Amino acid sequence: MLFSSIIQIVHNQNILKNKAGAIMLDPHRQQEVVSLWFKYQPQRESDYSKEVIEGFSNINWIFKHSEGIS
């Protein structure tokens, strides 16, 4: 997630430099990172509720449950 944040900042620096406060990590990037993380760490799925795991398959769910401004 940290690397995705850095990519987002570099890619959108002109837009983001005029915003104050926490910036939401792009929901598509969140979805990709979580998908890859569970692919390589399947044993960690038991750390999260079924709702959360299923939620990351839906971009609108991610957007609704993420903090920061978009």
PDB file of N, CA and C in Angstrom:
ATOM      1  N   MET A   1       0.831  -1.179   0.000  1.00  0.00           N
ATOM      2  CA  MET A   1       0.000   0.000   0.000  1.00  0.00           C
ATOM      3  C   MET A   1       0.883   1.253   0.000  1.00  0.00           C
ATOM      4  N   LEU A   2       1.974   1.189   0.725  1.00  0.00           N
ATOM      5  CA  LEU A   2       2.862   2.356   0.769  1.00  0.00           C
ATOM      6  C   LEU A   2       3.418   2.672  -0.616  1.00  0.00           C
ATOM      7  N   PHE A   3       3.890   1.657  -1.322  1.00  0.00           N
ATOM      8  CA  PHE A   3       4.423   1.879  -2.661  1.00  0.00           C
ATOM      9  C   PHE A   3       3.339   2.426  -3.586  1.00  0.00           C
ATOM     10  N   SER A   4       2.117   1.902  -3.471  1.00  0.00           N
ATOM     11  CA  SER A   4       1.004   2.418  -4.282  1.00  0.00           C
ATOM     12  C   SER A   4       0.725   3.874  -3.956  1.00  0.00           C
ATOM     13  N   SER A   5       0.865   4.243  -2.696  1.00  0.00           N
ATOM     14  CA  SER A   5       0.672   5.643  -2.300  1.00  0.00           C
ATOM     15  C   SER A   5       1.706   6.546  -2.948  1.00  0.00           C
ATOM     16  N   ILE A   6       2.946   6.082  -2.961  1.00  0.00           N
ATOM     17  CA  ILE A   6       4.014   6.875  -3.567  1.00  0.00           C
ATOM     18  C   ILE A   6       3.763   7.046  -5.062  1.00  0.00           C
ATOM     19  N   ILE A   7       3.363   5.979  -5.735  1.00  0.00           N
ATOM     20  CA  ILE A   7       3.053   6.063  -7.166  1.00  0.00           C
ATOM     21  C   ILE A   7       1.924   7.064  -7.400  1.00  0.00           C
ATOM     22  N   GLN A   8       0.893   7.004  -6.572  1.00  0.00           N
ATOM     23  CA  GLN A   8      -0.236   7.926  -6.713  1.00  0.00           C
ATOM     24  C   GLN A   8       0.211   9.371  -6.526  1.00  0.00           C
ATOM     25  N   ILE A   9       1.049   9.629  -5.561  1.00  0.00           N
ATOM     26  CA  ILE A   9       1.533  10.986  -5.302  1.00  0.00           C
ATOM     27  C   ILE A   9       2.352  11.493  -6.480  1.00  0.00           C
ATOM     28  N   VAL A  10       3.263  10.676  -6.963  1.00  0.00           N
ATOM     29  CA  VAL A  10       4.100  11.094  -8.089  1.00  0.00           C
ATOM     30  C   VAL A  10       3.245  11.324  -9.329  1.00  0.00           C
ATOM     31  N   HIS A  11       2.315  10.437  -9.587  1.00  0.00           N
ATOM     32  CA  HIS A  11       1.469  10.524 -10.783  1.00  0.00           C
ATOM     33  C   HIS A  11       0.536  11.727 -10.736  1.00  0.00           C
ATOM     34  N   ASN A  12       0.062  12.084  -9.547  1.00  0.00           N
ATOM     35  CA  ASN A  12      -0.935  13.149  -9.403  1.00  0.00           C
ATOM     36  C   ASN A  12      -0.416  14.348  -8.610  1.00  0.00           C
ATOM     37  N   GLN A  13       0.871  14.593  -8.616  1.00  0.00           N
ATOM     38  CA  GLN A  13       1.426  15.625  -7.743  1.00  0.00           C
ATOM     39  C   GLN A  13       0.849  17.008  -8.001  1.00  0.00           C
ATOM     40  N   ASN A  14       0.540  17.354  -9.235  1.00  0.00           N
ATOM     41  CA  ASN A  14      -0.025  18.674  -9.514  1.00  0.00           C
ATOM     42  C   ASN A  14      -1.415  18.840  -8.906  1.00  0.00           C
ATOM     43  N   ILE A  15      -2.194  17.784  -8.903  1.00  0.00           N
ATOM     44  CA  ILE A  15      -3.538  17.828  -8.317  1.00  0.00           C
ATOM     45  C   ILE A  15      -3.459  17.781  -6.795  1.00  0.00           C
ATOM     46  N   LEU A  16      -2.627  16.887  -6.275  1.00  0.00           N
ATOM     47  CA  LEU A  16      -2.573  16.654  -4.835  1.00  0.00           C
ATOM     48  C   LEU A  16      -1.926  17.788  -4.051  1.00  0.00           C
ATOM     49  N   LYS A  17      -1.046  18.557  -4.664  1.00  0.00           N
ATOM     50  CA  LYS A  17      -0.367  19.611  -3.897  1.00  0.00           C
ATOM     51  C   LYS A  17      -1.325  20.731  -3.487  1.00  0.00           C
ATOM     52  N   ASN A  18      -2.505  20.774  -4.082  1.00  0.00           N
ATOM     53  CA  ASN A  18      -3.495  21.788  -3.725  1.00  0.00           C
ATOM     54  C   ASN A  18      -4.564  21.272  -2.760  1.00  0.00           C
ATOM     55  N   LYS A  19      -4.394  20.075  -2.247  1.00  0.00           N
ATOM     56  CA  LYS A  19      -5.350  19.497  -1.296  1.00  0.00           C
ATOM     57  C   LYS A  19      -4.696  19.398   0.075  1.00  0.00           C
ATOM     58  N   ALA A  20      -5.518  19.569   1.088  1.00  0.00           N
ATOM     59  CA  ALA A  20      -5.019  19.451   2.459  1.00  0.00           C
ATOM     60  C   ALA A  20      -5.677  18.255   3.125  1.00  0.00           C
ATOM     61  N   GLY A  21      -4.978  17.653   4.042  1.00  0.00           N
ATOM     62  CA  GLY A  21      -5.526  16.527   4.784  1.00  0.00           C
ATOM     63  C   GLY A  21      -5.159  15.194   4.151  1.00  0.00           C
ATOM     64  N   ALA A  22      -5.767  14.149   4.693  1.00  0.00           N
ATOM     65  CA  ALA A  22      -5.493  12.789   4.218  1.00  0.00           C
ATOM     66  C   ALA A  22      -6.085  12.595   2.829  1.00  0.00           C
ATOM     67  N   ILE A  23      -5.327  11.971   1.956  1.00  0.00           N
ATOM     68  CA  ILE A  23      -5.757  11.675   0.594  1.00  0.00           C
ATOM     69  C   ILE A  23      -6.042  10.175   0.519  1.00  0.00           C
ATOM     70  N   MET A  24      -7.195   9.837  -0.035  1.00  0.00           N
ATOM     71  CA  MET A  24      -7.572   8.436  -0.171  1.00  0.00           C
ATOM     72  C   MET A  24      -6.697   7.762  -1.227  1.00  0.00           C
ATOM     73  N   LEU A  25      -6.179   6.594  -0.884  1.00  0.00           N
ATOM     74  CA  LEU A  25      -5.482   5.796  -1.872  1.00  0.00           C
ATOM     75  C   LEU A  25      -6.509   5.313  -2.888  1.00  0.00           C
ATOM     76  N   ASP A  26      -6.199   5.460  -4.158  1.00  0.00           N
ATOM     77  CA  ASP A  26      -7.111   5.086  -5.228  1.00  0.00           C
ATOM     78  C   ASP A  26      -7.699   3.693  -4.962  1.00  0.00           C
ATOM     79  N   PRO A  27      -9.034   3.567  -4.954  1.00  0.00           N
ATOM     80  CA  PRO A  27      -9.670   2.277  -4.679  1.00  0.00           C
ATOM     81  C   PRO A  27      -9.215   1.149  -5.606  1.00  0.00           C
ATOM     82  N   HIS A  28      -8.912   1.455  -6.854  1.00  0.00           N
ATOM     83  CA  HIS A  28      -8.421   0.417  -7.763  1.00  0.00           C
ATOM     84  C   HIS A  28      -7.054  -0.093  -7.315  1.00  0.00           C
ATOM     85  N   ARG A  29      -6.217   0.812  -6.844  1.00  0.00           N
ATOM     86  CA  ARG A  29      -4.905   0.395  -6.338  1.00  0.00           C
ATOM     87  C   ARG A  29      -5.067  -0.426  -5.057  1.00  0.00           C
ATOM     88  N   GLN A  30      -5.985  -0.008  -4.193  1.00  0.00           N
ATOM     89  CA  GLN A  30      -6.234  -0.780  -2.976  1.00  0.00           C
ATOM     90  C   GLN A  30      -6.662  -2.196  -3.334  1.00  0.00           C
ATOM     91  N   GLN A  31      -7.580  -2.308  -4.291  1.00  0.00           N
ATOM     92  CA  GLN A  31      -8.095  -3.614  -4.697  1.00  0.00           C
ATOM     93  C   GLN A  31      -6.960  -4.496  -5.230  1.00  0.00           C
ATOM     94  N   GLU A  32      -6.105  -3.920  -6.048  1.00  0.00           N
ATOM     95  CA  GLU A  32      -5.004  -4.687  -6.620  1.00  0.00           C
ATOM     96  C   GLU A  32      -4.021  -5.151  -5.542  1.00  0.00           C
ATOM     97  N   VAL A  33      -3.668  -4.250  -4.641  1.00  0.00           N
ATOM     98  CA  VAL A  33      -2.719  -4.598  -3.579  1.00  0.00           C
ATOM     99  C   VAL A  33      -3.288  -5.688  -2.681  1.00  0.00           C
ATOM    100  N   VAL A  34      -4.535  -5.548  -2.277  1.00  0.00           N
ATOM    101  CA  VAL A  34      -5.149  -6.545  -1.394  1.00  0.00           C
ATOM    102  C   VAL A  34      -5.250  -7.896  -2.102  1.00  0.00           C
ATOM    103  N   SER A  35      -5.632  -7.878  -3.366  1.00  0.00           N
ATOM    104  CA  SER A  35      -5.728  -9.114  -4.135  1.00  0.00           C
ATOM    105  C   SER A  35      -4.383  -9.835  -4.205  1.00  0.00           C
ATOM    106  N   LEU A  36      -3.335  -9.093  -4.505  1.00  0.00           N
ATOM    107  CA  LEU A  36      -2.003  -9.693  -4.571  1.00  0.00           C
ATOM    108  C   LEU A  36      -1.525 -10.173  -3.202  1.00  0.00           C
ATOM    109  N   TRP A  37      -1.844  -9.383  -2.162  1.00  0.00           N
ATOM    110  CA  TRP A  37      -1.413  -9.771  -0.819  1.00  0.00           C
ATOM    111  C   TRP A  37      -2.049 -11.095  -0.408  1.00  0.00           C
ATOM    112  N   PHE A  38      -3.348 -11.233  -0.634  1.00  0.00           N
ATOM    113  CA  PHE A  38      -4.013 -12.497  -0.283  1.00  0.00           C
ATOM    114  C   PHE A  38      -3.556 -13.644  -1.181  1.00  0.00           C
ATOM    115  N   LYS A  39      -3.175 -13.339  -2.405  1.00  0.00           N
ATOM    116  CA  LYS A  39      -2.667 -14.380  -3.304  1.00  0.00           C
ATOM    117  C   LYS A  39      -1.386 -14.993  -2.738  1.00  0.00           C
ATOM    118  N   TYR A  40      -0.506 -14.128  -2.205  1.00  0.00           N
ATOM    119  CA  TYR A  40       0.779 -14.603  -1.694  1.00  0.00           C
ATOM    120  C   TYR A  40       0.779 -14.873  -0.186  1.00  0.00           C
ATOM    121  N   GLN A  41      -0.274 -14.456   0.500  1.00  0.00           N
ATOM    122  CA  GLN A  41      -0.400 -14.678   1.945  1.00  0.00           C
ATOM    123  C   GLN A  41      -1.793 -15.230   2.262  1.00  0.00           C
ATOM    124  N   PRO A  42      -2.200 -16.338   1.656  1.00  0.00           N
ATOM    125  CA  PRO A  42      -3.580 -16.823   1.844  1.00  0.00           C
ATOM    126  C   PRO A  42      -3.928 -17.130   3.302  1.00  0.00           C
ATOM    127  N   GLN A  43      -2.955 -17.456   4.102  1.00  0.00           N
ATOM    128  CA  GLN A  43      -3.216 -17.756   5.508  1.00  0.00           C
ATOM    129  C   GLN A  43      -3.710 -16.530   6.269  1.00  0.00           C
ATOM    130  N   ARG A  44      -3.501 -15.335   5.742  1.00  0.00           N
ATOM    131  CA  ARG A  44      -3.925 -14.108   6.415  1.00  0.00           C
ATOM    132  C   ARG A  44      -5.414 -13.810   6.229  1.00  0.00           C
ATOM    133  N   GLU A  45      -6.085 -14.501   5.305  1.00  0.00           N
ATOM    134  CA  GLU A  45      -7.513 -14.266   5.095  1.00  0.00           C
ATOM    135  C   GLU A  45      -8.309 -14.506   6.377  1.00  0.00           C
ATOM    136  N   SER A  46      -7.841 -15.415   7.212  1.00  0.00           N
ATOM    137  CA  SER A  46      -8.563 -15.701   8.456  1.00  0.00           C
ATOM    138  C   SER A  46      -8.480 -14.545   9.455  1.00  0.00           C
ATOM    139  N   ASP A  47      -7.619 -13.566   9.205  1.00  0.00           N
ATOM    140  CA  ASP A  47      -7.503 -12.388  10.079  1.00  0.00           C
ATOM    141  C   ASP A  47      -8.626 -11.380   9.850  1.00  0.00           C
ATOM    142  N   TYR A  48      -9.400 -11.563   8.781  1.00  0.00           N
ATOM    143  CA  TYR A  48     -10.415 -10.582   8.385  1.00  0.00           C
ATOM    144  C   TYR A  48     -11.773 -11.247   8.223  1.00  0.00           C
ATOM    145  N   SER A  49     -12.809 -10.451   8.436  1.00  0.00           N
ATOM    146  CA  SER A  49     -14.167 -10.979   8.279  1.00  0.00           C
ATOM    147  C   SER A  49     -14.461 -11.247   6.807  1.00  0.00           C
ATOM    148  N   LYS A  50     -15.434 -12.116   6.581  1.00  0.00           N
ATOM    149  CA  LYS A  50     -15.857 -12.428   5.216  1.00  0.00           C
ATOM    150  C   LYS A  50     -16.329 -11.160   4.506  1.00  0.00           C
ATOM    151  N   GLU A  51     -17.003 -10.262   5.235  1.00  0.00           N
ATOM    152  CA  GLU A  51     -17.497  -9.005   4.656  1.00  0.00           C
ATOM    153  C   GLU A  51     -16.351  -8.158   4.114  1.00  0.00           C
ATOM    154  N   VAL A  52     -15.273  -8.061   4.855  1.00  0.00           N
ATOM    155  CA  VAL A  52     -14.133  -7.253   4.425  1.00  0.00           C
ATOM    156  C   VAL A  52     -13.468  -7.880   3.203  1.00  0.00           C
ATOM    157  N   ILE A  53     -13.241  -9.161   3.239  1.00  0.00           N
ATOM    158  CA  ILE A  53     -12.604  -9.837   2.107  1.00  0.00           C
ATOM    159  C   ILE A  53     -13.455  -9.705   0.855  1.00  0.00           C
ATOM    160  N   GLU A  54     -14.752  -9.926   0.970  1.00  0.00           N
ATOM    161  CA  GLU A  54     -15.642  -9.777  -0.182  1.00  0.00           C
ATOM    162  C   GLU A  54     -15.759  -8.316  -0.607  1.00  0.00           C
ATOM    163  N   GLY A  55     -15.698  -7.415   0.348  1.00  0.00           N
ATOM    164  CA  GLY A  55     -15.798  -5.989   0.053  1.00  0.00           C
ATOM    165  C   GLY A  55     -14.712  -5.506  -0.900  1.00  0.00           C
ATOM    166  N   PHE A  56     -13.520  -6.057  -0.772  1.00  0.00           N
ATOM    167  CA  PHE A  56     -12.431  -5.619  -1.632  1.00  0.00           C
ATOM    168  C   PHE A  56     -12.589  -6.055  -3.085  1.00  0.00           C
ATOM    169  N   SER A  57     -13.626  -6.820  -3.380  1.00  0.00           N
ATOM    170  CA  SER A  57     -13.900  -7.151  -4.781  1.00  0.00           C
ATOM    171  C   SER A  57     -14.827  -6.111  -5.414  1.00  0.00           C
ATOM    172  N   ASN A  58     -15.283  -5.132  -4.608  1.00  0.00           N
ATOM    173  CA  ASN A  58     -16.222  -4.119  -5.083  1.00  0.00           C
ATOM    174  C   ASN A  58     -15.623  -2.725  -4.898  1.00  0.00           C
ATOM    175  N   ILE A  59     -15.360  -2.038  -6.001  1.00  0.00           N
ATOM    176  CA  ILE A  59     -14.738  -0.703  -5.949  1.00  0.00           C
ATOM    177  C   ILE A  59     -15.576   0.272  -5.128  1.00  0.00           C
ATOM    178  N   ASN A  60     -16.897   0.230  -5.264  1.00  0.00           N
ATOM    179  CA  ASN A  60     -17.758   1.141  -4.491  1.00  0.00           C
ATOM    180  C   ASN A  60     -17.645   0.886  -2.999  1.00  0.00           C
ATOM    181  N   TRP A  61     -17.525  -0.366  -2.607  1.00  0.00           N
ATOM    182  CA  TRP A  61     -17.356  -0.717  -1.190  1.00  0.00           C
ATOM    183  C   TRP A  61     -16.038  -0.141  -0.672  1.00  0.00           C
ATOM    184  N   ILE A  62     -14.982  -0.299  -1.448  1.00  0.00           N
ATOM    185  CA  ILE A  62     -13.672   0.225  -1.045  1.00  0.00           C
ATOM    186  C   ILE A  62     -13.750   1.739  -0.865  1.00  0.00           C
ATOM    187  N   PHE A  63     -14.346   2.419  -1.850  1.00  0.00           N
ATOM    188  CA  PHE A  63     -14.473   3.873  -1.782  1.00  0.00           C
ATOM    189  C   PHE A  63     -15.239   4.294  -0.531  1.00  0.00           C
ATOM    190  N   LYS A  64     -16.338   3.617  -0.252  1.00  0.00           N
ATOM    191  CA  LYS A  64     -17.176   3.948   0.908  1.00  0.00           C
ATOM    192  C   LYS A  64     -16.458   3.732   2.229  1.00  0.00           C
ATOM    193  N   HIS A  65     -15.600   2.732   2.295  1.00  0.00           N
ATOM    194  CA  HIS A  65     -14.948   2.370   3.548  1.00  0.00           C
ATOM    195  C   HIS A  65     -13.505   2.884   3.681  1.00  0.00           C
ATOM    196  N   SER A  66     -13.101   3.753   2.766  1.00  0.00           N
ATOM    197  CA  SER A  66     -11.749   4.316   2.827  1.00  0.00           C
ATOM    198  C   SER A  66     -11.802   5.721   3.415  1.00  0.00           C
ATOM    199  N   GLU A  67     -10.742   6.071   4.092  1.00  0.00           N
ATOM    200  CA  GLU A  67     -10.643   7.399   4.708  1.00  0.00           C
ATOM    201  C   GLU A  67      -9.934   8.338   3.750  1.00  0.00           C
ATOM    202  N   GLY A  68     -10.123   9.611   3.952  1.00  0.00           N
ATOM    203  CA  GLY A  68      -9.427  10.628   3.183  1.00  0.00           C
ATOM    204  C   GLY A  68     -10.277  11.164   2.049  1.00  0.00           C
ATOM    205  N   ILE A  69      -9.763  12.218   1.445  1.00  0.00           N
ATOM    206  CA  ILE A  69     -10.477  12.829   0.326  1.00  0.00           C
ATOM    207  C   ILE A  69      -9.946  12.244  -0.976  1.00  0.00           C
ATOM    208  N   SER A  70     -10.811  12.184  -1.951  1.00  0.00           N
ATOM    209  CA  SER A  70     -10.381  11.601  -3.236  1.00  0.00           C
ATOM    210  C   SER A  70     -10.115  12.674  -4.257  1.00  0.00           C
TER     211      SER A  70
END
